[in-house]
């Protein structure tokens, strides 16, 4: 499973699972707020997804604005390995 690694301005580093629930809720949040589609708002979407990952993993109780103020600008990194299913026609 992929995880998202978040570095906070106070030096704390957390890793949280990047679950389908996190991804879907981040997408719904972006659509409800009429954020630009696709890459046009990818930075905002990445930070919100990181926030949800920490929230669902019970690593933060802060609201989004307070959380965002405490995240390092380069503090969001998606980690994990992709399984390569290969070519299904081989």
C-alpha atoms as a PDB file:
ATOM      1  CA  UNK A   1       0.000   0.000   0.000  1.00  0.00           C
ATOM      2  CA  UNK A   2       1.175   3.491  -0.727  1.00  0.00           C
ATOM      3  CA  UNK A   3       1.738   5.884   2.118  1.00  0.00           C
ATOM      4  CA  UNK A   4       2.049   9.611   2.249  1.00  0.00           C
ATOM      5  CA  UNK A   5       4.886  11.123   4.251  1.00  0.00           C
ATOM      6  CA  UNK A   6       4.263  14.546   5.757  1.00  0.00           C
ATOM      7  CA  UNK A   7       6.996  16.757   7.208  1.00  0.00           C
ATOM      8  CA  UNK A   8       5.811  19.474   9.563  1.00  0.00           C
ATOM      9  CA  UNK A   9       7.549  22.782  10.189  1.00  0.00           C
ATOM     10  CA  UNK A  10       8.315  21.695  13.773  1.00  0.00           C
ATOM     11  CA  UNK A  11      10.351  18.749  12.432  1.00  0.00           C
ATOM     12  CA  UNK A  12       7.757  16.032  13.076  1.00  0.00           C
ATOM     13  CA  UNK A  13       7.435  13.489  10.268  1.00  0.00           C
ATOM     14  CA  UNK A  14       4.355  11.285   9.916  1.00  0.00           C
ATOM     15  CA  UNK A  15       3.470   8.559   7.456  1.00  0.00           C
ATOM     16  CA  UNK A  16      -0.148   7.657   6.837  1.00  0.00           C
ATOM     17  CA  UNK A  17      -1.825   5.172   4.499  1.00  0.00           C
ATOM     18  CA  UNK A  18      -2.993   6.573   1.179  1.00  0.00           C
ATOM     19  CA  UNK A  19      -6.238   4.611   1.117  1.00  0.00           C
ATOM     20  CA  UNK A  20      -9.002   4.709  -1.478  1.00  0.00           C
ATOM     21  CA  UNK A  21     -11.136   6.569   1.092  1.00  0.00           C
ATOM     22  CA  UNK A  22      -8.494   9.306   1.390  1.00  0.00           C
ATOM     23  CA  UNK A  23      -8.185   9.659  -2.384  1.00  0.00           C
ATOM     24  CA  UNK A  24     -11.953   9.680  -3.003  1.00  0.00           C
ATOM     25  CA  UNK A  25     -12.722  12.167  -0.231  1.00  0.00           C
ATOM     26  CA  UNK A  26      -9.968  14.482  -1.472  1.00  0.00           C
ATOM     27  CA  UNK A  27     -11.454  14.297  -4.966  1.00  0.00           C
ATOM     28  CA  UNK A  28     -14.982  14.979  -3.676  1.00  0.00           C
ATOM     29  CA  UNK A  29     -13.692  17.942  -1.650  1.00  0.00           C
ATOM     30  CA  UNK A  30     -12.003  19.395  -4.750  1.00  0.00           C
ATOM     31  CA  UNK A  31     -15.133  18.965  -6.863  1.00  0.00           C
ATOM     32  CA  UNK A  32     -17.435  20.483  -4.226  1.00  0.00           C
ATOM     33  CA  UNK A  33     -15.207  23.547  -4.005  1.00  0.00           C
ATOM     34  CA  UNK A  34     -14.900  23.766  -7.788  1.00  0.00           C
ATOM     35  CA  UNK A  35     -11.127  23.471  -7.786  1.00  0.00           C
ATOM     36  CA  UNK A  36      -9.638  23.224 -11.259  1.00  0.00           C
ATOM     37  CA  UNK A  37      -9.618  19.732 -12.714  1.00  0.00           C
ATOM     38  CA  UNK A  38      -6.528  17.589 -13.175  1.00  0.00           C
ATOM     39  CA  UNK A  39      -3.086  19.119 -12.860  1.00  0.00           C
ATOM     40  CA  UNK A  40      -4.441  22.663 -12.583  1.00  0.00           C
ATOM     41  CA  UNK A  41      -4.892  22.270  -8.810  1.00  0.00           C
ATOM     42  CA  UNK A  42      -2.613  19.302  -8.109  1.00  0.00           C
ATOM     43  CA  UNK A  43      -0.673  21.064  -5.331  1.00  0.00           C
ATOM     44  CA  UNK A  44      -3.837  21.964  -3.437  1.00  0.00           C
ATOM     45  CA  UNK A  45      -5.194  18.451  -3.961  1.00  0.00           C
ATOM     46  CA  UNK A  46      -1.937  16.838  -2.777  1.00  0.00           C
ATOM     47  CA  UNK A  47      -1.922  18.840   0.446  1.00  0.00           C
ATOM     48  CA  UNK A  48      -5.588  18.122   1.128  1.00  0.00           C
ATOM     49  CA  UNK A  49      -5.027  14.413   0.480  1.00  0.00           C
ATOM     50  CA  UNK A  50      -2.090  14.452   2.917  1.00  0.00           C
ATOM     51  CA  UNK A  51      -4.278  16.190   5.502  1.00  0.00           C
ATOM     52  CA  UNK A  52      -7.009  13.569   5.144  1.00  0.00           C
ATOM     53  CA  UNK A  53      -4.465  10.744   5.374  1.00  0.00           C
ATOM     54  CA  UNK A  54      -3.187  12.098   8.702  1.00  0.00           C
ATOM     55  CA  UNK A  55      -6.715  12.807   9.930  1.00  0.00           C
ATOM     56  CA  UNK A  56      -8.016   9.311   9.133  1.00  0.00           C
ATOM     57  CA  UNK A  57      -4.890   7.754  10.687  1.00  0.00           C
ATOM     58  CA  UNK A  58      -5.610   9.835  13.825  1.00  0.00           C
ATOM     59  CA  UNK A  59      -2.285  11.674  13.512  1.00  0.00           C
ATOM     60  CA  UNK A  60      -3.898  15.135  13.614  1.00  0.00           C
ATOM     61  CA  UNK A  61      -6.902  16.776  15.201  1.00  0.00           C
ATOM     62  CA  UNK A  62      -6.238  20.188  13.650  1.00  0.00           C
ATOM     63  CA  UNK A  63      -8.606  21.722  11.148  1.00  0.00           C
ATOM     64  CA  UNK A  64      -7.277  21.929   7.590  1.00  0.00           C
ATOM     65  CA  UNK A  65      -6.184  25.582   7.710  1.00  0.00           C
ATOM     66  CA  UNK A  66      -4.242  25.118  10.964  1.00  0.00           C
ATOM     67  CA  UNK A  67      -2.721  21.882   9.644  1.00  0.00           C
ATOM     68  CA  UNK A  68      -1.680  23.552   6.385  1.00  0.00           C
ATOM     69  CA  UNK A  69       0.077  26.334   8.298  1.00  0.00           C
ATOM     70  CA  UNK A  70       2.228  23.690  10.023  1.00  0.00           C
ATOM     71  CA  UNK A  71       3.355  21.680   6.988  1.00  0.00           C
ATOM     72  CA  UNK A  72       6.756  22.184   5.390  1.00  0.00           C
ATOM     73  CA  UNK A  73       6.512  23.461   1.808  1.00  0.00           C
ATOM     74  CA  UNK A  74       8.331  20.338   0.560  1.00  0.00           C
ATOM     75  CA  UNK A  75       6.695  18.201   3.201  1.00  0.00           C
ATOM     76  CA  UNK A  76       4.407  15.899   1.212  1.00  0.00           C
ATOM     77  CA  UNK A  77       5.850  12.810  -0.433  1.00  0.00           C
ATOM     78  CA  UNK A  78       3.968   9.757  -1.700  1.00  0.00           C
ATOM     79  CA  UNK A  79       5.838   6.536  -1.031  1.00  0.00           C
ATOM     80  CA  UNK A  80       5.222   2.922  -1.884  1.00  0.00           C
ATOM     81  CA  UNK A  81       5.734   0.389  -4.555  1.00  0.00           C
ATOM     82  CA  UNK A  82       3.566  -0.382  -7.495  1.00  0.00           C
ATOM     83  CA  UNK A  83       3.090  -4.002  -8.324  1.00  0.00           C
ATOM     84  CA  UNK A  84       3.760  -4.692 -11.954  1.00  0.00           C
ATOM     85  CA  UNK A  85       1.122  -7.057 -13.239  1.00  0.00           C
ATOM     86  CA  UNK A  86       2.971  -7.423 -16.499  1.00  0.00           C
ATOM     87  CA  UNK A  87       1.359  -7.703 -19.863  1.00  0.00           C
ATOM     88  CA  UNK A  88      -1.876  -9.688 -19.506  1.00  0.00           C
ATOM     89  CA  UNK A  89      -1.579 -10.862 -23.117  1.00  0.00           C
ATOM     90  CA  UNK A  90       1.799 -12.586 -22.601  1.00  0.00           C
END
